[in-house]
C-alpha atoms as a PDB file:
ATOM      1  CA  MET A   1      89.558 123.065 108.698  1.00  0.00           C
ATOM      2  CA  GLY A   2      87.395 125.298 106.436  1.00  0.00           C
ATOM      3  CA  LEU A   3      89.076 128.333 104.907  1.00  0.00           C
ATOM      4  CA  LYS A   4      92.320 127.718 106.779  1.00  0.00           C
ATOM      5  CA  GLY A   5      93.101 124.673 104.602  1.00  0.00           C
ATOM      6  CA  PHE A   6      92.910 126.836 101.477  1.00  0.00           C
ATOM      7  CA  VAL A   7      95.204 129.487 103.000  1.00  0.00           C
ATOM      8  CA  GLU A   8      97.758 126.931 104.179  1.00  0.00           C
ATOM      9  CA  GLY A   9      97.782 125.167 100.809  1.00  0.00           C
ATOM     10  CA  GLY A  10      98.082 128.465  98.941  1.00  0.00           C
ATOM     11  CA  ILE A  11     101.053 129.735 100.981  1.00  0.00           C
ATOM     12  CA  ALA A  12     102.921 126.435 100.691  1.00  0.00           C
ATOM     13  CA  SER A  13     102.218 126.184  96.947  1.00  0.00           C
ATOM     14  CA  VAL A  14     103.424 129.720  96.185  1.00  0.00           C
ATOM     15  CA  VAL A  15     106.673 129.171  98.114  1.00  0.00           C
ATOM     16  CA  ALA A  16     107.321 125.829  96.392  1.00  0.00           C
ATOM     17  CA  GLY A  17     106.314 127.106  92.943  1.00  0.00           C
ATOM     18  CA  CYS A  18     108.565 130.178  93.034  1.00  0.00           C
ATOM     19  CA  SER A  19     111.503 128.135  94.358  1.00  0.00           C
ATOM     20  CA  THR A  20     111.360 125.638  91.469  1.00  0.00           C
ATOM     21  CA  HIS A  21     110.128 127.920  88.657  1.00  0.00           C
ATOM     22  CA  LEU A  22     113.324 127.908  86.591  1.00  0.00           C
ATOM     23  CA  LEU A  23     113.545 124.098  86.766  1.00  0.00           C
ATOM     24  CA  ASP A  24     109.982 123.863  85.477  1.00  0.00           C
ATOM     25  CA  LEU A  25     110.738 126.295  82.643  1.00  0.00           C
ATOM     26  CA  ILE A  26     113.702 124.205  81.455  1.00  0.00           C
ATOM     27  CA  ASN A  27     111.576 121.063  81.707  1.00  0.00           C
ATOM     28  CA  VAL A  28     108.947 122.540  79.349  1.00  0.00           C
ATOM     29  CA  ARG A  29     111.645 123.485  76.813  1.00  0.00           C
ATOM     30  CA  MET A  30     112.974 119.919  76.905  1.00  0.00           C
ATOM     31  CA  GLN A  31     109.507 118.431  76.368  1.00  0.00           C
ATOM     32  CA  LEU A  32     109.219 120.409  73.134  1.00  0.00           C
ATOM     33  CA  GLN A  33     112.415 118.914  71.698  1.00  0.00           C
ATOM     34  CA  GLY A  34     111.833 116.768  68.631  1.00  0.00           C
ATOM     35  CA  GLU A  35     108.430 118.327  67.926  1.00  0.00           C
ATOM     36  CA  ALA A  36     109.483 120.821  65.278  1.00  0.00           C
ATOM     37  CA  ALA A  37     109.788 119.710  61.667  1.00  0.00           C
ATOM     38  CA  PRO A  38     113.307 118.639  60.743  1.00  0.00           C
ATOM     39  CA  ALA A  39     115.485 121.120  58.932  1.00  0.00           C
ATOM     40  CA  ILE A  40     116.030 120.611  55.182  1.00  0.00           C
ATOM     41  CA  LEU A  41     119.441 121.156  53.618  1.00  0.00           C
ATOM     42  CA  THR A  42     119.501 121.576  49.808  1.00  0.00           C
ATOM     43  CA  LEU A  43     122.651 120.300  48.089  1.00  0.00           C
ATOM     44  CA  ARG A  44     123.620 120.919  44.445  1.00  0.00           C
ATOM     45  CA  PRO A  45     126.759 119.712  42.717  1.00  0.00           C
ATOM     46  CA  ALA A  46     129.238 122.506  42.107  1.00  0.00           C
ATOM     47  CA  LEU A  47     129.212 122.000  38.281  1.00  0.00           C
ATOM     48  CA  ALA A  48     125.513 121.171  37.958  1.00  0.00           C
ATOM     49  CA  PHE A  49     123.433 122.284  34.978  1.00  0.00           C
ATOM     50  CA  PRO A  50     120.302 124.373  35.714  1.00  0.00           C
ATOM     51  CA  ASN A  51     117.949 121.424  35.198  1.00  0.00           C
ATOM     52  CA  SER A  52     120.025 118.923  37.158  1.00  0.00           C
ATOM     53  CA  SER A  53     118.546 117.147  40.161  1.00  0.00           C
ATOM     54  CA  VAL A  54     118.739 118.628  43.621  1.00  0.00           C
ATOM     55  CA  LEU A  55     119.472 116.520  46.687  1.00  0.00           C
ATOM     56  CA  HIS A  56     117.409 117.311  49.803  1.00  0.00           C
ATOM     57  CA  VAL A  57     118.895 116.100  53.076  1.00  0.00           C
ATOM     58  CA  HIS A  58     116.660 115.935  56.153  1.00  0.00           C
ATOM     59  CA  PHE A  59     118.191 116.177  59.581  1.00  0.00           C
ATOM     60  CA  SER A  60     116.916 116.895  63.082  1.00  0.00           C
ATOM     61  CA  ALA A  61     118.458 119.290  65.560  1.00  0.00           C
ATOM     62  CA  PRO A  62     120.399 117.395  68.217  1.00  0.00           C
ATOM     63  CA  ARG A  63     118.647 117.007  71.549  1.00  0.00           C
ATOM     64  CA  VAL A  64     120.381 118.422  74.581  1.00  0.00           C
ATOM     65  CA  GLY A  65     120.334 117.629  78.284  1.00  0.00           C
ATOM     66  CA  PHE A  66     119.002 119.576  81.238  1.00  0.00           C
ATOM     67  CA  ALA A  67     122.113 121.685  81.901  1.00  0.00           C
ATOM     68  CA  SER A  68     122.674 122.335  78.191  1.00  0.00           C
ATOM     69  CA  MET A  69     119.075 123.440  77.742  1.00  0.00           C
ATOM     70  CA  GLY A  70     119.401 125.868  80.648  1.00  0.00           C
ATOM     71  CA  LEU A  71     122.593 127.259  79.119  1.00  0.00           C
ATOM     72  CA  ARG A  72     120.900 127.593  75.729  1.00  0.00           C
ATOM     73  CA  VAL A  73     118.020 129.581  77.265  1.00  0.00           C
ATOM     74  CA  VAL A  74     120.488 131.933  78.972  1.00  0.00           C
ATOM     75  CA  GLN A  75     122.519 132.393  75.771  1.00  0.00           C
ATOM     76  CA  GLN A  76     119.477 133.065  73.584  1.00  0.00           C
ATOM     77  CA  ASP A  77     117.272 135.101  75.909  1.00  0.00           C
ATOM     78  CA  GLY A  78     119.453 136.157  78.830  1.00  0.00           C
ATOM     79  CA  ALA A  79     119.608 135.018  82.456  1.00  0.00           C
ATOM     80  CA  ALA A  80     116.457 136.948  83.373  1.00  0.00           C
ATOM     81  CA  SER A  81     114.451 134.726  81.007  1.00  0.00           C
ATOM     82  CA  LEU A  82     114.849 131.820  83.454  1.00  0.00           C
ATOM     83  CA  PHE A  83     112.376 133.642  85.683  1.00  0.00           C
ATOM     84  CA  SER A  84     110.025 134.829  82.942  1.00  0.00           C
ATOM     85  CA  GLY A  85     106.446 134.006  83.827  1.00  0.00           C
ATOM     86  CA  VAL A  86     107.087 133.759  87.573  1.00  0.00           C
ATOM     87  CA  SER A  87     104.131 136.083  88.190  1.00  0.00           C
ATOM     88  CA  ALA A  88     101.916 133.610  86.323  1.00  0.00           C
ATOM     89  CA  THR A  89     103.331 130.829  88.507  1.00  0.00           C
ATOM     90  CA  ILE A  90     102.365 132.767  91.643  1.00  0.00           C
ATOM     91  CA  LEU A  91      98.845 133.366  90.310  1.00  0.00           C
ATOM     92  CA  ARG A  92      98.455 129.721  89.262  1.00  0.00           C
ATOM     93  CA  GLN A  93      99.608 128.351  92.611  1.00  0.00           C
ATOM     94  CA  ALA A  94      97.491 130.842  94.548  1.00  0.00           C
ATOM     95  CA  LEU A  95      94.353 129.864  92.651  1.00  0.00           C
ATOM     96  CA  TYR A  96      94.784 126.310  91.391  1.00  0.00           C
ATOM     97  CA  SER A  97      96.893 124.681  94.110  1.00  0.00           C
ATOM     98  CA  SER A  98      95.166 126.382  97.017  1.00  0.00           C
ATOM     99  CA  THR A  99      91.825 125.190  95.626  1.00  0.00           C
ATOM    100  CA  ARG A 100      92.814 121.566  95.062  1.00  0.00           C
ATOM    101  CA  MET A 101      94.623 121.285  98.392  1.00  0.00           C
ATOM    102  CA  GLY A 102      91.887 123.111 100.297  1.00  0.00           C
ATOM    103  CA  ILE A 103      89.083 120.921  98.915  1.00  0.00           C
ATOM    104  CA  TYR A 104      91.200 117.819  99.469  1.00  0.00           C
ATOM    105  CA  GLU A 105      91.709 118.749 103.132  1.00  0.00           C
ATOM    106  CA  VAL A 106      88.012 119.531 103.656  1.00  0.00           C
ATOM    107  CA  LEU A 107      86.879 116.197 102.204  1.00  0.00           C
ATOM    108  CA  LYS A 108      89.689 114.296 103.922  1.00  0.00           C
ATOM    109  CA  GLU A 109      88.606 115.728 107.271  1.00  0.00           C
ATOM    110  CA  GLU A 110      85.032 114.707 106.505  1.00  0.00           C
ATOM    111  CA  TRP A 111      85.913 111.113 105.592  1.00  0.00           C
ATOM    112  CA  THR A 112      88.649 110.428 108.154  1.00  0.00           C
ATOM    113  CA  ASN A 113      87.854 107.791 110.783  1.00  0.00           C
ATOM    114  CA  PRO A 114      87.502 109.766 114.073  1.00  0.00           C
ATOM    115  CA  ASP A 115      88.821 106.830 116.124  1.00  0.00           C
ATOM    116  CA  THR A 116      91.960 105.919 114.149  1.00  0.00           C
ATOM    117  CA  ARG A 117      92.456 109.369 112.539  1.00  0.00           C
ATOM    118  CA  THR A 118      93.289 107.596 109.284  1.00  0.00           C
ATOM    119  CA  MET A 119      91.585 107.325 105.910  1.00  0.00           C
ATOM    120  CA  PRO A 120      91.816 104.340 103.513  1.00  0.00           C
ATOM    121  CA  LEU A 121      93.706 104.893 100.246  1.00  0.00           C
ATOM    122  CA  GLU A 122      90.578 104.351  98.138  1.00  0.00           C
ATOM    123  CA  LYS A 123      88.873 107.167 100.054  1.00  0.00           C
ATOM    124  CA  LYS A 124      91.818 109.469  99.349  1.00  0.00           C
ATOM    125  CA  ILE A 125      91.481 108.755  95.648  1.00  0.00           C
ATOM    126  CA  SER A 126      87.714 109.344  95.927  1.00  0.00           C
ATOM    127  CA  VAL A 127      88.490 112.822  97.279  1.00  0.00           C
ATOM    128  CA  VAL A 128      90.477 113.509  94.126  1.00  0.00           C
ATOM    129  CA  ASP A 129      87.704 112.155  91.903  1.00  0.00           C
ATOM    130  CA  ALA A 130      85.218 114.449  93.633  1.00  0.00           C
ATOM    131  CA  LEU A 131      87.563 117.394  93.052  1.00  0.00           C
ATOM    132  CA  HIS A 132      87.899 116.431  89.391  1.00  0.00           C
ATOM    133  CA  GLN A 133      84.127 116.322  88.888  1.00  0.00           C
ATOM    134  CA  MET A 134      83.722 119.723  90.551  1.00  0.00           C
ATOM    135  CA  VAL A 135      86.387 121.379  88.410  1.00  0.00           C
ATOM    136  CA  LYS A 136      85.166 119.691  85.228  1.00  0.00           C
ATOM    137  CA  GLY A 137      81.594 120.715  85.899  1.00  0.00           C
ATOM    138  CA  GLU A 138      82.503 124.364  86.442  1.00  0.00           C
ATOM    139  CA  GLY A 139      84.677 124.744  83.360  1.00  0.00           C
ATOM    140  CA  VAL A 140      83.807 125.250  79.683  1.00  0.00           C
ATOM    141  CA  SER A 141      86.102 123.111  77.568  1.00  0.00           C
ATOM    142  CA  GLY A 142      85.897 125.299  74.478  1.00  0.00           C
ATOM    143  CA  LEU A 143      87.326 128.401  76.094  1.00  0.00           C
ATOM    144  CA  TRP A 144      90.932 127.261  76.319  1.00  0.00           C
ATOM    145  CA  ARG A 145      92.935 124.931  74.152  1.00  0.00           C
ATOM    146  CA  GLY A 146      94.074 121.946  76.178  1.00  0.00           C
ATOM    147  CA  PHE A 147      91.597 122.656  78.974  1.00  0.00           C
ATOM    148  CA  SER A 148      90.482 119.017  79.244  1.00  0.00           C
ATOM    149  CA  LEU A 149      94.126 117.934  79.349  1.00  0.00           C
ATOM    150  CA  THR A 150      94.785 120.415  82.128  1.00  0.00           C
ATOM    151  CA  VAL A 151      91.837 119.064  84.116  1.00  0.00           C
ATOM    152  CA  ASN A 152      92.956 115.456  83.606  1.00  0.00           C
ATOM    153  CA  ARG A 153      96.534 116.315  84.535  1.00  0.00           C
ATOM    154  CA  ALA A 154      95.311 118.100  87.659  1.00  0.00           C
ATOM    155  CA  MET A 155      93.321 115.004  88.607  1.00  0.00           C
ATOM    156  CA  LEU A 156      96.323 112.705  88.090  1.00  0.00           C
ATOM    157  CA  VAL A 157      98.791 114.958  89.903  1.00  0.00           C
ATOM    158  CA  THR A 158      96.433 115.514  92.831  1.00  0.00           C
ATOM    159  CA  ALA A 159      95.613 111.821  93.127  1.00  0.00           C
ATOM    160  CA  SER A 160      99.229 110.689  92.934  1.00  0.00           C
ATOM    161  CA  GLN A 161     100.782 113.559  94.906  1.00  0.00           C
ATOM    162  CA  LEU A 162      98.451 114.312  97.810  1.00  0.00           C
ATOM    163  CA  ALA A 163      97.099 110.790  98.303  1.00  0.00           C
ATOM    164  CA  SER A 164     100.526 109.131  98.098  1.00  0.00           C
ATOM    165  CA  TYR A 165     102.037 111.699 100.506  1.00  0.00           C
ATOM    166  CA  ASP A 166      99.347 110.970 103.075  1.00  0.00           C
ATOM    167  CA  GLN A 167      99.727 107.235 102.509  1.00  0.00           C
ATOM    168  CA  PHE A 168     103.543 107.212 102.813  1.00  0.00           C
ATOM    169  CA  LYS A 169     103.480 109.497 105.846  1.00  0.00           C
ATOM    170  CA  GLU A 170     100.797 107.392 107.526  1.00  0.00           C
ATOM    171  CA  MET A 171     102.805 104.215 106.844  1.00  0.00           C
ATOM    172  CA  ILE A 172     106.016 105.719 108.306  1.00  0.00           C
ATOM    173  CA  LEU A 173     104.271 106.893 111.467  1.00  0.00           C
ATOM    174  CA  THR A 174     102.208 103.729 111.908  1.00  0.00           C
ATOM    175  CA  LYS A 175     105.243 101.451 111.623  1.00  0.00           C
ATOM    176  CA  GLU A 176     107.299 103.903 113.724  1.00  0.00           C
ATOM    177  CA  LEU A 177     110.058 104.038 111.116  1.00  0.00           C
ATOM    178  CA  MET A 178     110.656 107.712 111.962  1.00  0.00           C
ATOM    179  CA  LYS A 179     109.387 110.214 114.510  1.00  0.00           C
ATOM    180  CA  ASP A 180     107.081 112.991 113.370  1.00  0.00           C
ATOM    181  CA  GLY A 181     109.280 115.851 112.188  1.00  0.00           C
ATOM    182  CA  ARG A 182     110.866 117.425 109.122  1.00  0.00           C
ATOM    183  CA  GLY A 183     112.437 114.120 108.128  1.00  0.00           C
ATOM    184  CA  THR A 184     109.044 112.445 108.249  1.00  0.00           C
ATOM    185  CA  HIS A 185     107.669 115.214 106.036  1.00  0.00           C
ATOM    186  CA  ALA A 186     110.553 115.246 103.531  1.00  0.00           C
ATOM    187  CA  THR A 187     110.764 111.481 102.943  1.00  0.00           C
ATOM    188  CA  PRO A 188     107.155 110.877 101.839  1.00  0.00           C
ATOM    189  CA  SER A 189     107.271 114.190  99.953  1.00  0.00           C
ATOM    190  CA  PHE A 190     110.089 112.974  97.713  1.00  0.00           C
ATOM    191  CA  ALA A 191     108.324 109.634  97.159  1.00  0.00           C
ATOM    192  CA  ALA A 192     105.078 111.445  96.319  1.00  0.00           C
ATOM    193  CA  GLY A 193     106.916 113.691  93.846  1.00  0.00           C
ATOM    194  CA  PHE A 194     108.380 110.668  92.061  1.00  0.00           C
ATOM    195  CA  VAL A 195     104.988 108.932  91.881  1.00  0.00           C
ATOM    196  CA  ALA A 196     103.344 112.111  90.552  1.00  0.00           C
ATOM    197  CA  THR A 197     105.979 112.459  87.817  1.00  0.00           C
ATOM    198  CA  VAL A 198     105.639 108.845  86.682  1.00  0.00           C
ATOM    199  CA  VAL A 199     101.853 109.150  86.472  1.00  0.00           C
ATOM    200  CA  SER A 200     101.565 112.614  84.908  1.00  0.00           C
ATOM    201  CA  ASN A 201     104.579 112.888  82.572  1.00  0.00           C
ATOM    202  CA  PRO A 202     102.888 111.407  79.437  1.00  0.00           C
ATOM    203  CA  ILE A 203      99.840 113.677  79.645  1.00  0.00           C
ATOM    204  CA  ASP A 204     102.123 116.590  80.550  1.00  0.00           C
ATOM    205  CA  VAL A 205     104.121 116.121  77.320  1.00  0.00           C
ATOM    206  CA  ILE A 206     100.929 115.938  75.251  1.00  0.00           C
ATOM    207  CA  LYS A 207      99.417 118.955  77.018  1.00  0.00           C
ATOM    208  CA  THR A 208     102.547 121.032  76.429  1.00  0.00           C
ATOM    209  CA  ARG A 209     102.601 120.198  72.724  1.00  0.00           C
ATOM    210  CA  VAL A 210      98.881 120.777  72.148  1.00  0.00           C
ATOM    211  CA  MET A 211      98.959 124.129  73.929  1.00  0.00           C
ATOM    212  CA  ASN A 212     102.182 125.137  72.148  1.00  0.00           C
ATOM    213  CA  MET A 213     101.120 124.235  68.574  1.00  0.00           C
ATOM    214  CA  LYS A 214     100.918 127.064  66.065  1.00  0.00           C
ATOM    215  CA  VAL A 215      97.647 127.229  64.135  1.00  0.00           C
ATOM    216  CA  THR A 216      97.767 129.071  60.796  1.00  0.00           C
ATOM    217  CA  PRO A 217      94.448 130.279  59.334  1.00  0.00           C
ATOM    218  CA  GLY A 218      93.442 128.194  56.322  1.00  0.00           C
ATOM    219  CA  THR A 219      95.588 125.203  57.228  1.00  0.00           C
ATOM    220  CA  PRO A 220      94.749 122.266  59.483  1.00  0.00           C
ATOM    221  CA  PRO A 221      96.348 122.349  62.957  1.00  0.00           C
ATOM    222  CA  PRO A 222      99.322 120.048  63.623  1.00  0.00           C
ATOM    223  CA  TYR A 223      97.207 118.007  66.042  1.00  0.00           C
ATOM    224  CA  ALA A 224      93.467 117.336  65.896  1.00  0.00           C
ATOM    225  CA  GLY A 225      93.412 116.723  69.641  1.00  0.00           C
ATOM    226  CA  ALA A 226      95.153 115.031  72.532  1.00  0.00           C
ATOM    227  CA  LEU A 227      94.776 111.492  71.135  1.00  0.00           C
ATOM    228  CA  ASP A 228      96.053 112.568  67.708  1.00  0.00           C
ATOM    229  CA  CYS A 229      99.030 114.263  69.364  1.00  0.00           C
ATOM    230  CA  ALA A 230      99.835 111.109  71.337  1.00  0.00           C
ATOM    231  CA  ILE A 231      99.579 108.880  68.235  1.00  0.00           C
ATOM    232  CA  LYS A 232     101.751 111.167  66.094  1.00  0.00           C
ATOM    233  CA  THR A 233     104.314 111.570  68.871  1.00  0.00           C
ATOM    234  CA  ILE A 234     104.603 107.792  69.374  1.00  0.00           C
ATOM    235  CA  ARG A 235     104.653 107.109  65.611  1.00  0.00           C
ATOM    236  CA  VAL A 236     107.407 109.634  64.862  1.00  0.00           C
ATOM    237  CA  GLU A 237     109.507 109.549  68.039  1.00  0.00           C
ATOM    238  CA  GLY A 238     108.618 106.250  69.707  1.00  0.00           C
ATOM    239  CA  PRO A 239     106.626 105.503  72.887  1.00  0.00           C
ATOM    240  CA  MET A 240     109.398 106.713  75.166  1.00  0.00           C
ATOM    241  CA  ALA A 241     108.856 110.219  73.755  1.00  0.00           C
ATOM    242  CA  LEU A 242     105.926 110.451  76.200  1.00  0.00           C
ATOM    243  CA  TYR A 243     108.537 110.330  78.937  1.00  0.00           C
ATOM    244  CA  ARG A 244     110.759 112.919  77.325  1.00  0.00           C
ATOM    245  CA  GLY A 245     111.988 115.263  80.001  1.00  0.00           C
ATOM    246  CA  PHE A 246     111.300 112.707  82.742  1.00  0.00           C
ATOM    247  CA  LEU A 247     114.518 113.403  84.647  1.00  0.00           C
ATOM    248  CA  PRO A 248     114.071 117.175  84.287  1.00  0.00           C
ATOM    249  CA  ALA A 249     110.453 116.671  85.419  1.00  0.00           C
ATOM    250  CA  VAL A 250     111.612 114.779  88.524  1.00  0.00           C
ATOM    251  CA  THR A 251     114.206 117.497  89.132  1.00  0.00           C
ATOM    252  CA  PRO A 252     111.601 120.226  89.823  1.00  0.00           C
ATOM    253  CA  GLN A 253     108.880 117.844  91.013  1.00  0.00           C
ATOM    254  CA  GLY A 254     111.036 116.367  93.785  1.00  0.00           C
ATOM    255  CA  PRO A 255     112.112 119.713  95.300  1.00  0.00           C
ATOM    256  CA  PHE A 256     108.658 121.202  94.622  1.00  0.00           C
ATOM    257  CA  THR A 257     106.854 118.412  96.467  1.00  0.00           C
ATOM    258  CA  ILE A 258     109.335 118.455  99.349  1.00  0.00           C
ATOM    259  CA  LEU A 259     109.093 122.238  99.696  1.00  0.00           C
ATOM    260  CA  LEU A 260     105.312 122.061  99.304  1.00  0.00           C
ATOM    261  CA  PHE A 261     104.643 119.598 102.111  1.00  0.00           C
ATOM    262  CA  VAL A 262     107.451 120.674 104.449  1.00  0.00           C
ATOM    263  CA  THR A 263     106.249 124.285 104.132  1.00  0.00           C
ATOM    264  CA  LEU A 264     102.643 123.141 104.516  1.00  0.00           C
ATOM    265  CA  GLU A 265     103.425 121.313 107.764  1.00  0.00           C
ATOM    266  CA  GLN A 266     105.236 124.380 109.141  1.00  0.00           C
ATOM    267  CA  VAL A 267     102.413 126.721 108.114  1.00  0.00           C
ATOM    268  CA  ARG A 268      99.948 124.391 109.838  1.00  0.00           C
ATOM    269  CA  LYS A 269     101.953 124.663 113.041  1.00  0.00           C
ATOM    270  CA  MET A 270     102.020 128.458 112.759  1.00  0.00           C
ATOM    271  CA  LEU A 271      98.256 128.688 112.142  1.00  0.00           C
ATOM    272  CA  LYS A 272      97.131 125.919 114.488  1.00  0.00           C
ATOM    273  CA  ASP A 273      95.681 128.413 116.964  1.00  0.00           C
ATOM    274  CA  PHE A 274      93.632 130.245 114.331  1.00  0.00           C
END
């Protein structure tokens, strides 16, 4: 496999990432709903004396759905803003996804039973754990805010996405539910995307909020860390706030995972002779 696994994973990831970029952008905006401090409306009676009491009314901005959030982004920033940051998406997929998928393929090839051409699920998860340790060991957590959260999210997404895809695909082919083809690639892809969203959505919400918080010199930051962010989010908005944006997260994750693995299988066929 070697270098070819990295190239195949990189091409498939860039295609999938660019195709679902605007869905991911809207998902991030939805995850930030409810985080900002509520607006304060000051009310005074019309015939009040100067020293009379003032009534402060707190209210939160209404939360909107996926389509409404997309429309709001277009109205506020223009249609082109839906594709802002697409160059960063390309760079991220070319570096991050090609690395995780390439290493996963190398270790999977190493640990696959040569007789059955299959690998137990626990071995697939061990591949992900090895990848996590390698990435964690190479990084310096103090350089970027939310770095540890990004590493942990990468571990969870890789474990749930790549391992579950292989497991679902292997199960379909072993039980002869479908013949090997695009349908066999799309079905486990969608299932893997759903599993990845369920597993990673809570840490994704926390990561987005920690990385998005505004730190003013001389004042303490809104969150002391990931755990503090999770506690404050649950305390103020309830535990289901960790799954805010779940449907919008499934919306890009499903198509992304399908495009990722269907494209990956086609790229493998194209490069099989190299």
